[in-house]
Amino acid sequence: MSRDQPCPLKPSGSSLPRIWLFTDERNDAALDQAILRLPRGSGIVFRHHHLSESLRRARFETIQKLARRRGHVLMLAGSPFLARRWRADGVHGRMARRPMIGGLLRSAPVHDAGEIQQANRSGADIFFLSPIFSTRSHRGQRPLNGMQARRLARSCNGVVIYLGGMTARRYRMVRNRRTHGWAAIDALS
């Protein structure tokens, strides 16, 4: 398999990354180096919605080359059509129904029981549950307490990744049987 091919993954807990980096405009300047520092086989959720489509595609291709070199899983926040066209490993976002995605992994951001039900119906493989701690991404939103997070994680029909103010140390403090890993923007950039 060439380096520009998507990573063949089955959506089982043991084959999916435990550490995930989310991209956006606030970590773009340090993103290339951050990707190279990630442990081999980590995950990346590429967002960069602040860019025009042509610039976003060019930035995605640069990130894709770095990700393939390090064996990272690369998800695209957007439509399944775009994720297939750009040769991402998966698609990230809220989907109202189970889309035809042709072997792509599916991940969804979830913050409450309603969003988890929607993600379950759409067939999400990975549930990014947040905010676990206070975070700049959700200013003013109260983080989930430990009991809420565990209860919500139990209702996810897939792998649960904690997000929101996460660091490796914080994840060690809050992880449980239902969590597979953690994700961050700032802590990994």
Protein backbone atom coordinates (compact mmCIF):
# COMPACT_ATOMS: atom_id res chain seq x y z
CA MET A 1 0.00 0.00 0.00
CA SER A 2 1.36 3.42 -0.89
CA ARG A 3 1.70 6.16 1.68
CA ASP A 4 -1.18 8.20 0.26
CA GLN A 5 -3.71 5.42 0.74
CA PRO A 6 -6.20 5.54 3.62
CA CYS A 7 -5.40 3.34 6.61
CA PRO A 8 -7.45 0.13 6.49
CA LEU A 9 -9.17 -0.05 9.89
CA LYS A 10 -11.95 -2.04 11.39
CA PRO A 11 -13.95 -0.04 13.92
CA SER A 12 -12.99 -2.15 16.92
CA GLY A 13 -11.65 -0.61 20.08
CA SER A 14 -8.31 -2.37 19.84
CA SER A 15 -7.53 -1.05 16.35
CA LEU A 16 -8.48 2.58 16.89
CA PRO A 17 -6.16 5.30 18.19
CA ARG A 18 -6.26 6.24 21.86
CA ILE A 19 -4.93 9.78 21.34
CA TRP A 20 -6.60 12.23 18.93
CA LEU A 21 -5.59 15.72 17.80
CA PHE A 22 -8.31 18.09 16.57
CA THR A 23 -7.19 20.77 14.13
CA ASP A 24 -8.44 24.30 13.70
CA GLU A 25 -7.15 27.80 13.09
CA ARG A 26 -5.78 28.23 16.59
CA ASN A 27 -3.30 25.34 16.30
CA ASP A 28 -2.51 25.64 12.59
CA ALA A 29 0.85 27.39 13.00
CA ALA A 30 2.24 24.52 15.09
CA LEU A 31 0.22 21.73 13.49
CA ASP A 32 2.88 20.07 11.34
CA GLN A 33 5.26 19.71 14.29
CA ALA A 34 2.43 18.58 16.57
CA ILE A 35 1.56 15.77 14.15
CA LEU A 36 5.17 14.62 14.06
CA ARG A 37 5.28 14.59 17.90
CA LEU A 38 2.12 12.47 18.26
CA PRO A 39 2.71 8.82 19.15
CA ARG A 40 2.72 6.63 16.04
CA GLY A 41 -0.78 5.52 15.10
CA SER A 42 -2.63 8.42 16.73
CA GLY A 43 -5.74 10.00 15.25
CA ILE A 44 -6.32 13.41 13.70
CA VAL A 45 -9.65 15.12 13.10
CA PHE A 46 -9.07 17.73 10.40
CA ARG A 47 -11.49 20.66 10.66
CA HIS A 48 -10.00 23.94 9.34
CA HIS A 49 -13.44 25.30 8.44
CA HIS A 50 -11.98 28.81 8.45
CA LEU A 51 -10.27 28.23 5.09
CA SER A 52 -11.75 28.50 1.61
CA GLU A 53 -12.37 25.12 -0.03
CA SER A 54 -9.23 25.25 -2.19
CA LEU A 55 -6.99 26.31 0.71
CA ARG A 56 -8.63 23.74 2.99
CA ARG A 57 -7.97 20.99 0.44
CA ALA A 58 -4.32 22.03 0.07
CA ARG A 59 -3.85 22.12 3.86
CA PHE A 60 -5.55 18.73 4.18
CA GLU A 61 -3.16 17.22 1.61
CA THR A 62 -0.15 18.50 3.56
CA ILE A 63 -1.53 17.06 6.80
CA GLN A 64 -2.40 13.82 5.02
CA LYS A 65 1.22 13.30 3.91
CA LEU A 66 2.48 13.82 7.47
CA ALA A 67 -0.25 11.57 8.88
CA ARG A 68 0.51 8.72 6.47
CA ARG A 69 4.22 8.95 7.24
CA ARG A 70 3.48 8.48 10.97
CA GLY A 71 0.71 5.87 10.56
CA HIS A 72 -1.98 8.20 11.91
CA VAL A 73 -5.70 7.85 11.22
CA LEU A 74 -7.03 10.98 9.48
CA MET A 75 -10.70 11.94 9.74
CA LEU A 76 -12.25 14.81 7.77
CA ALA A 77 -14.90 16.99 9.36
CA GLY A 78 -17.41 17.32 6.56
CA SER A 79 -19.50 15.17 4.29
CA PRO A 80 -18.91 11.48 3.56
CA PHE A 81 -18.68 12.40 -0.14
CA LEU A 82 -15.87 14.86 0.53
CA ALA A 83 -14.07 12.44 2.87
CA ARG A 84 -14.09 9.75 0.16
CA ARG A 85 -13.00 12.21 -2.51
CA TRP A 86 -10.12 13.48 -0.38
CA ARG A 87 -9.15 9.91 0.60
CA ALA A 88 -9.60 10.42 4.34
CA ASP A 89 -9.83 7.42 6.66
CA GLY A 90 -13.14 8.61 8.00
CA VAL A 91 -15.72 11.33 8.33
CA HIS A 92 -16.43 13.42 11.44
CA GLY A 93 -19.66 15.24 12.15
CA ARG A 94 -23.31 15.00 13.00
CA MET A 95 -25.33 12.95 10.56
CA ALA A 96 -29.12 12.73 10.73
CA ARG A 97 -29.23 9.24 9.25
CA ARG A 98 -26.93 6.35 8.49
CA PRO A 99 -25.07 7.54 5.38
CA MET A 100 -23.55 5.31 2.76
CA ILE A 101 -19.89 5.92 3.43
CA GLY A 102 -18.11 3.06 1.71
CA GLY A 103 -15.87 1.74 4.46
CA LEU A 104 -15.00 5.06 6.08
CA LEU A 105 -14.89 5.33 9.84
CA ARG A 106 -17.58 7.57 11.31
CA SER A 107 -17.13 9.81 14.32
CA ALA A 108 -19.50 12.22 15.99
CA PRO A 109 -19.18 15.01 18.55
CA VAL A 110 -21.57 14.34 21.44
CA HIS A 111 -22.44 16.49 24.44
CA ASP A 112 -25.73 15.07 25.71
CA ALA A 113 -28.13 12.11 25.50
CA GLY A 114 -29.95 13.50 22.45
CA GLU A 115 -26.77 13.85 20.41
CA ILE A 116 -25.70 10.35 21.47
CA GLN A 117 -29.03 8.90 20.28
CA GLN A 118 -28.58 10.67 16.94
CA ALA A 119 -25.00 9.38 16.62
CA ASN A 120 -26.13 5.85 17.53
CA ARG A 121 -28.83 6.01 14.80
CA SER A 122 -26.33 7.26 12.24
CA GLY A 123 -23.95 4.39 13.01
CA ALA A 124 -21.05 6.32 14.54
CA ASP A 125 -17.99 4.20 15.32
CA ILE A 126 -16.32 6.83 17.52
CA PHE A 127 -18.02 9.19 19.98
CA PHE A 128 -16.07 12.29 21.02
CA LEU A 129 -17.76 13.05 24.36
CA SER A 130 -17.26 16.57 25.72
CA PRO A 131 -16.63 18.78 27.56
CA ILE A 132 -15.02 16.70 30.28
CA PHE A 133 -13.16 19.75 31.66
CA SER A 134 -13.55 23.47 31.02
CA THR A 135 -12.26 24.36 27.61
CA ARG A 136 -11.81 27.32 25.27
CA SER A 137 -13.86 25.48 22.64
CA HIS A 138 -16.96 25.54 24.86
CA ARG A 139 -16.56 28.79 26.79
CA GLY A 140 -19.11 29.13 29.53
CA GLN A 141 -20.40 25.59 29.13
CA ARG A 142 -20.30 23.63 32.34
CA PRO A 143 -18.17 20.49 32.02
CA LEU A 144 -19.74 17.11 32.60
CA ASN A 145 -19.20 15.74 36.09
CA GLY A 146 -17.77 12.23 36.47
CA MET A 147 -21.15 10.56 36.94
CA GLN A 148 -22.67 12.33 33.91
CA ALA A 149 -19.72 11.43 31.72
CA ARG A 150 -19.83 7.74 32.71
CA ARG A 151 -23.61 7.57 32.22
CA LEU A 152 -23.40 9.18 28.79
CA ALA A 153 -20.44 6.99 27.78
CA ARG A 154 -22.46 3.86 28.63
CA SER A 155 -25.15 4.89 26.14
CA CYS A 156 -22.71 5.20 23.21
CA ASN A 157 -22.78 2.28 20.75
CA GLY A 158 -19.11 2.68 19.85
CA VAL A 159 -15.71 3.75 21.07
CA VAL A 160 -15.77 6.70 23.49
CA ILE A 161 -13.05 9.33 23.40
CA TYR A 162 -13.04 12.06 26.07
CA LEU A 163 -12.57 15.62 24.78
CA GLY A 164 -12.60 19.05 26.36
CA GLY A 165 -9.73 20.42 28.42
CA MET A 166 -8.03 17.03 28.23
CA THR A 167 -4.37 16.27 28.87
CA ALA A 168 -2.68 12.91 29.40
CA ARG A 169 -2.65 13.49 33.17
CA ARG A 170 -6.31 14.47 33.28
CA TYR A 171 -7.27 11.44 31.20
CA ARG A 172 -5.51 9.12 33.66
CA MET A 173 -7.61 10.70 36.43
CA VAL A 174 -11.01 10.24 34.73
CA ARG A 175 -10.73 7.24 32.45
CA ASN A 176 -12.97 4.27 33.05
CA ARG A 177 -14.04 0.99 31.44
CA ARG A 178 -16.12 2.74 28.78
CA THR A 179 -13.46 5.17 27.59
CA HIS A 180 -10.94 4.25 24.95
CA GLY A 181 -8.84 7.40 24.87
CA TRP A 182 -8.69 11.17 24.83
CA ALA A 183 -8.54 14.04 22.37
CA ALA A 184 -7.33 17.63 22.51
CA ILE A 185 -6.53 20.74 20.54
CA ASP A 186 -4.26 22.79 22.79
CA ALA A 187 -2.65 20.03 24.87
CA LEU A 188 -1.30 18.28 21.77
CA SER A 189 -0.33 21.38 19.75
